[in-house]
Amino acid sequence: MVKRKIVWSNRARIKLFEILEFYTERNKSRVYSAKLYQRLTKELKILHNQPDIGLNSEIESVRGLIIDDYILFYEYNDERIVVHSIWDCRQNPEDLIIK
């Protein structure tokens, strides 16, 4: 079994932080943000073992994993899985930047 390392790009880290911070401020609590983060972590563990489960995107090597209202855009090779962005599907699709 190949041991891949999961690497978050700077854009993906910033988007994740923005999403979690948004729900913390809106709900005046960190409970939902913590649950959302746990859900994303759980799906990343599955992705770690089965990197082909994501759907193909417009960019040839990039795939998208749908998690509730979000899409996690990533690409992988034998050594690592690079998370390029996380996208809230309820946003304007014209604002989407994957890589």
N, C-alpha and C. Protein backbone atom coordinates (compact mmCIF):
# COMPACT_ATOMS: atom_id res chain seq x y z
N MET A 1 0.83 -1.18 0.00
CA MET A 1 0.00 0.00 0.00
C MET A 1 0.88 1.24 0.00
N VAL A 2 0.53 2.19 -0.84
CA VAL A 2 1.30 3.41 -0.98
C VAL A 2 0.94 4.38 0.14
N LYS A 3 1.96 4.94 0.76
CA LYS A 3 1.74 5.94 1.80
C LYS A 3 1.84 7.32 1.17
N ARG A 4 0.70 7.95 0.95
CA ARG A 4 0.66 9.30 0.40
C ARG A 4 0.52 10.30 1.53
N LYS A 5 1.17 11.43 1.35
CA LYS A 5 1.05 12.52 2.32
C LYS A 5 0.02 13.52 1.79
N ILE A 6 -0.88 13.99 2.64
CA ILE A 6 -1.86 14.99 2.24
C ILE A 6 -1.27 16.37 2.51
N VAL A 7 -1.23 17.19 1.45
CA VAL A 7 -0.64 18.52 1.53
C VAL A 7 -1.71 19.54 1.13
N TRP A 8 -1.91 20.55 1.96
CA TRP A 8 -2.87 21.62 1.67
C TRP A 8 -2.11 22.79 1.07
N SER A 9 -2.59 23.31 -0.05
CA SER A 9 -1.99 24.51 -0.63
C SER A 9 -2.37 25.71 0.23
N ASN A 10 -1.68 26.82 0.04
CA ASN A 10 -2.01 28.02 0.81
C ASN A 10 -3.44 28.47 0.53
N ARG A 11 -3.86 28.42 -0.74
CA ARG A 11 -5.22 28.82 -1.09
C ARG A 11 -6.24 27.94 -0.37
N ALA A 12 -6.01 26.64 -0.33
CA ALA A 12 -6.94 25.72 0.32
C ALA A 12 -7.01 25.99 1.82
N ARG A 13 -5.87 26.24 2.45
CA ARG A 13 -5.87 26.55 3.88
C ARG A 13 -6.65 27.82 4.18
N ILE A 14 -6.44 28.83 3.35
CA ILE A 14 -7.14 30.10 3.55
C ILE A 14 -8.64 29.92 3.37
N LYS A 15 -9.06 29.21 2.31
CA LYS A 15 -10.48 28.98 2.07
C LYS A 15 -11.11 28.19 3.22
N LEU A 16 -10.41 27.16 3.70
CA LEU A 16 -10.92 26.37 4.82
C LEU A 16 -11.09 27.25 6.05
N PHE A 17 -10.08 28.06 6.35
CA PHE A 17 -10.16 28.94 7.50
C PHE A 17 -11.33 29.92 7.35
N GLU A 18 -11.51 30.48 6.15
CA GLU A 18 -12.61 31.42 5.91
C GLU A 18 -13.97 30.76 6.13
N ILE A 19 -14.12 29.54 5.66
CA ILE A 19 -15.39 28.83 5.82
C ILE A 19 -15.67 28.55 7.29
N LEU A 20 -14.67 28.03 8.00
CA LEU A 20 -14.85 27.72 9.41
C LEU A 20 -15.10 28.98 10.24
N GLU A 21 -14.38 30.04 9.92
CA GLU A 21 -14.55 31.30 10.63
C GLU A 21 -15.93 31.91 10.36
N PHE A 22 -16.41 31.80 9.14
CA PHE A 22 -17.74 32.30 8.79
C PHE A 22 -18.81 31.66 9.68
N TYR A 23 -18.77 30.33 9.80
CA TYR A 23 -19.79 29.65 10.61
C TYR A 23 -19.62 29.92 12.09
N THR A 24 -18.40 30.12 12.54
CA THR A 24 -18.18 30.46 13.94
C THR A 24 -18.80 31.81 14.26
N GLU A 25 -18.59 32.78 13.37
CA GLU A 25 -19.15 34.12 13.60
C GLU A 25 -20.67 34.13 13.43
N ARG A 26 -21.16 33.47 12.39
CA ARG A 26 -22.61 33.48 12.13
C ARG A 26 -23.38 32.79 13.24
N ASN A 27 -22.87 31.64 13.70
CA ASN A 27 -23.57 30.86 14.73
C ASN A 27 -23.22 31.26 16.15
N LYS A 28 -22.23 32.13 16.29
CA LYS A 28 -21.74 32.55 17.62
C LYS A 28 -21.30 31.35 18.45
N SER A 29 -20.79 30.35 17.74
CA SER A 29 -20.33 29.12 18.39
C SER A 29 -19.38 28.39 17.44
N ARG A 30 -18.47 27.62 18.00
CA ARG A 30 -17.55 26.84 17.18
C ARG A 30 -18.02 25.40 16.95
N VAL A 31 -19.17 25.07 17.44
CA VAL A 31 -19.65 23.69 17.38
C VAL A 31 -19.80 23.22 15.93
N TYR A 32 -20.52 23.99 15.11
CA TYR A 32 -20.72 23.57 13.72
C TYR A 32 -19.41 23.53 12.97
N SER A 33 -18.54 24.51 13.19
CA SER A 33 -17.24 24.54 12.52
C SER A 33 -16.41 23.31 12.87
N ALA A 34 -16.46 22.90 14.13
CA ALA A 34 -15.73 21.71 14.56
C ALA A 34 -16.29 20.46 13.90
N LYS A 35 -17.61 20.37 13.80
CA LYS A 35 -18.24 19.21 13.14
C LYS A 35 -17.90 19.18 11.66
N LEU A 36 -17.91 20.34 11.02
CA LEU A 36 -17.56 20.42 9.60
C LEU A 36 -16.10 20.01 9.38
N TYR A 37 -15.21 20.48 10.23
CA TYR A 37 -13.80 20.12 10.13
C TYR A 37 -13.61 18.61 10.32
N GLN A 38 -14.32 18.03 11.28
CA GLN A 38 -14.24 16.58 11.49
C GLN A 38 -14.73 15.82 10.27
N ARG A 39 -15.80 16.30 9.65
CA ARG A 39 -16.35 15.66 8.45
C ARG A 39 -15.33 15.71 7.31
N LEU A 40 -14.69 16.86 7.11
CA LEU A 40 -13.68 16.99 6.06
C LEU A 40 -12.49 16.08 6.34
N THR A 41 -12.08 16.00 7.58
CA THR A 41 -10.96 15.13 7.96
C THR A 41 -11.30 13.67 7.70
N LYS A 42 -12.52 13.28 8.03
CA LYS A 42 -12.96 11.90 7.79
C LYS A 42 -12.93 11.57 6.29
N GLU A 43 -13.42 12.49 5.46
CA GLU A 43 -13.43 12.26 4.01
C GLU A 43 -12.01 12.24 3.45
N LEU A 44 -11.11 13.03 4.01
CA LEU A 44 -9.72 13.02 3.56
C LEU A 44 -9.04 11.68 3.88
N LYS A 45 -9.42 11.06 4.98
CA LYS A 45 -8.88 9.73 5.30
C LYS A 45 -9.33 8.71 4.26
N ILE A 46 -10.58 8.81 3.84
CA ILE A 46 -11.08 7.92 2.78
C ILE A 46 -10.34 8.21 1.48
N LEU A 47 -10.19 9.49 1.18
CA LEU A 47 -9.48 9.90 -0.04
C LEU A 47 -8.04 9.41 -0.02
N HIS A 48 -7.43 9.41 1.14
CA HIS A 48 -6.05 8.93 1.29
C HIS A 48 -5.91 7.49 0.80
N ASN A 49 -6.90 6.67 1.10
CA ASN A 49 -6.85 5.26 0.71
C ASN A 49 -7.39 5.01 -0.70
N GLN A 50 -8.28 5.87 -1.17
CA GLN A 50 -8.90 5.69 -2.49
C GLN A 50 -8.90 7.03 -3.24
N PRO A 51 -7.75 7.46 -3.75
CA PRO A 51 -7.67 8.80 -4.35
C PRO A 51 -8.46 8.96 -5.66
N ASP A 52 -8.92 7.89 -6.26
CA ASP A 52 -9.67 7.98 -7.51
C ASP A 52 -11.16 8.24 -7.31
N ILE A 53 -11.63 8.38 -6.08
CA ILE A 53 -13.08 8.52 -5.85
C ILE A 53 -13.62 9.87 -6.27
N GLY A 54 -12.76 10.88 -6.41
CA GLY A 54 -13.22 12.20 -6.83
C GLY A 54 -13.60 12.22 -8.30
N LEU A 55 -14.42 13.19 -8.67
CA LEU A 55 -14.84 13.36 -10.05
C LEU A 55 -13.81 14.17 -10.83
N ASN A 56 -13.70 13.91 -12.13
CA ASN A 56 -12.80 14.68 -12.97
C ASN A 56 -13.29 16.12 -13.06
N SER A 57 -12.36 17.05 -13.12
CA SER A 57 -12.71 18.46 -13.26
C SER A 57 -12.30 18.94 -14.65
N GLU A 58 -12.46 20.24 -14.87
CA GLU A 58 -12.08 20.81 -16.16
C GLU A 58 -10.57 20.77 -16.37
N ILE A 59 -9.82 20.76 -15.29
CA ILE A 59 -8.36 20.65 -15.37
C ILE A 59 -8.03 19.17 -15.35
N GLU A 60 -7.24 18.73 -16.29
CA GLU A 60 -7.03 17.29 -16.53
C GLU A 60 -6.58 16.50 -15.30
N SER A 61 -5.62 16.99 -14.56
CA SER A 61 -5.08 16.21 -13.45
C SER A 61 -5.80 16.45 -12.12
N VAL A 62 -6.73 17.39 -12.09
CA VAL A 62 -7.40 17.76 -10.84
C VAL A 62 -8.75 17.06 -10.75
N ARG A 63 -9.04 16.55 -9.56
CA ARG A 63 -10.30 15.87 -9.29
C ARG A 63 -11.05 16.63 -8.20
N GLY A 64 -12.35 16.41 -8.10
CA GLY A 64 -13.15 17.08 -7.09
C GLY A 64 -13.92 16.07 -6.26
N LEU A 65 -13.77 16.16 -4.96
CA LEU A 65 -14.48 15.29 -4.03
C LEU A 65 -15.63 16.09 -3.41
N ILE A 66 -16.85 15.62 -3.63
CA ILE A 66 -18.03 16.32 -3.11
C ILE A 66 -18.28 15.87 -1.67
N ILE A 67 -18.33 16.87 -0.78
CA ILE A 67 -18.59 16.62 0.63
C ILE A 67 -19.69 17.59 1.05
N ASP A 68 -20.90 17.09 1.16
CA ASP A 68 -22.07 17.91 1.49
C ASP A 68 -22.19 19.08 0.50
N ASP A 69 -22.07 20.32 0.99
CA ASP A 69 -22.20 21.50 0.13
C ASP A 69 -20.85 21.99 -0.40
N TYR A 70 -19.82 21.19 -0.29
CA TYR A 70 -18.47 21.60 -0.64
C TYR A 70 -17.85 20.66 -1.66
N ILE A 71 -16.90 21.19 -2.42
CA ILE A 71 -16.10 20.37 -3.31
C ILE A 71 -14.65 20.61 -2.94
N LEU A 72 -13.93 19.53 -2.69
CA LEU A 72 -12.51 19.58 -2.37
C LEU A 72 -11.76 19.26 -3.66
N PHE A 73 -11.05 20.24 -4.22
CA PHE A 73 -10.30 20.03 -5.45
C PHE A 73 -8.88 19.60 -5.11
N TYR A 74 -8.44 18.50 -5.73
CA TYR A 74 -7.13 17.94 -5.40
C TYR A 74 -6.54 17.24 -6.62
N GLU A 75 -5.25 16.98 -6.54
CA GLU A 75 -4.60 16.09 -7.49
C GLU A 75 -3.64 15.21 -6.70
N TYR A 76 -3.28 14.10 -7.27
CA TYR A 76 -2.45 13.16 -6.53
C TYR A 76 -1.44 12.47 -7.44
N ASN A 77 -0.40 11.95 -6.78
CA ASN A 77 0.56 11.07 -7.44
C ASN A 77 0.93 10.00 -6.42
N ASP A 78 2.00 9.27 -6.67
CA ASP A 78 2.37 8.17 -5.77
C ASP A 78 2.82 8.63 -4.40
N GLU A 79 3.25 9.89 -4.28
CA GLU A 79 3.83 10.36 -3.04
C GLU A 79 2.90 11.24 -2.19
N ARG A 80 2.01 11.98 -2.88
CA ARG A 80 1.19 12.91 -2.10
C ARG A 80 -0.13 13.25 -2.79
N ILE A 81 -1.04 13.75 -1.98
CA ILE A 81 -2.32 14.29 -2.44
C ILE A 81 -2.26 15.77 -2.11
N VAL A 82 -2.40 16.61 -3.13
CA VAL A 82 -2.34 18.06 -2.94
C VAL A 82 -3.76 18.61 -3.03
N VAL A 83 -4.24 19.20 -1.94
CA VAL A 83 -5.55 19.84 -1.91
C VAL A 83 -5.34 21.27 -2.40
N HIS A 84 -5.93 21.60 -3.55
CA HIS A 84 -5.74 22.92 -4.14
C HIS A 84 -6.74 23.94 -3.64
N SER A 85 -7.97 23.51 -3.41
CA SER A 85 -9.00 24.46 -2.98
C SER A 85 -10.19 23.71 -2.40
N ILE A 86 -10.95 24.41 -1.59
CA ILE A 86 -12.22 23.89 -1.12
C ILE A 86 -13.26 24.94 -1.51
N TRP A 87 -14.36 24.48 -2.09
CA TRP A 87 -15.35 25.38 -2.67
C TRP A 87 -16.73 25.12 -2.09
N ASP A 88 -17.36 26.19 -1.63
CA ASP A 88 -18.74 26.11 -1.17
C ASP A 88 -19.61 26.24 -2.41
N CYS A 89 -20.37 25.23 -2.74
CA CYS A 89 -21.16 25.18 -3.97
C CYS A 89 -22.27 26.22 -4.02
N ARG A 90 -22.55 26.87 -2.91
CA ARG A 90 -23.60 27.89 -2.88
C ARG A 90 -23.09 29.26 -3.29
N GLN A 91 -21.80 29.35 -3.63
CA GLN A 91 -21.22 30.61 -4.07
C GLN A 91 -21.35 30.76 -5.58
N ASN A 92 -21.04 31.94 -6.07
CA ASN A 92 -21.07 32.23 -7.49
C ASN A 92 -19.98 31.41 -8.20
N PRO A 93 -20.34 30.54 -9.14
CA PRO A 93 -19.34 29.70 -9.80
C PRO A 93 -18.31 30.48 -10.62
N GLU A 94 -18.63 31.71 -10.98
CA GLU A 94 -17.67 32.51 -11.72
C GLU A 94 -16.48 32.93 -10.86
N ASP A 95 -16.61 32.85 -9.54
CA ASP A 95 -15.54 33.21 -8.62
C ASP A 95 -14.61 32.05 -8.31
N LEU A 96 -14.90 30.87 -8.84
CA LEU A 96 -14.12 29.68 -8.53
C LEU A 96 -12.73 29.74 -9.15
N ILE A 97 -11.72 29.56 -8.31
CA ILE A 97 -10.33 29.42 -8.74
C ILE A 97 -9.83 28.12 -8.14
N ILE A 98 -9.47 27.18 -9.00
CA ILE A 98 -9.06 25.87 -8.50
C ILE A 98 -7.57 25.84 -8.19
N LYS A 99 -6.78 26.28 -9.12
CA LYS A 99 -5.33 26.16 -8.96
C LYS A 99 -4.66 27.49 -9.09
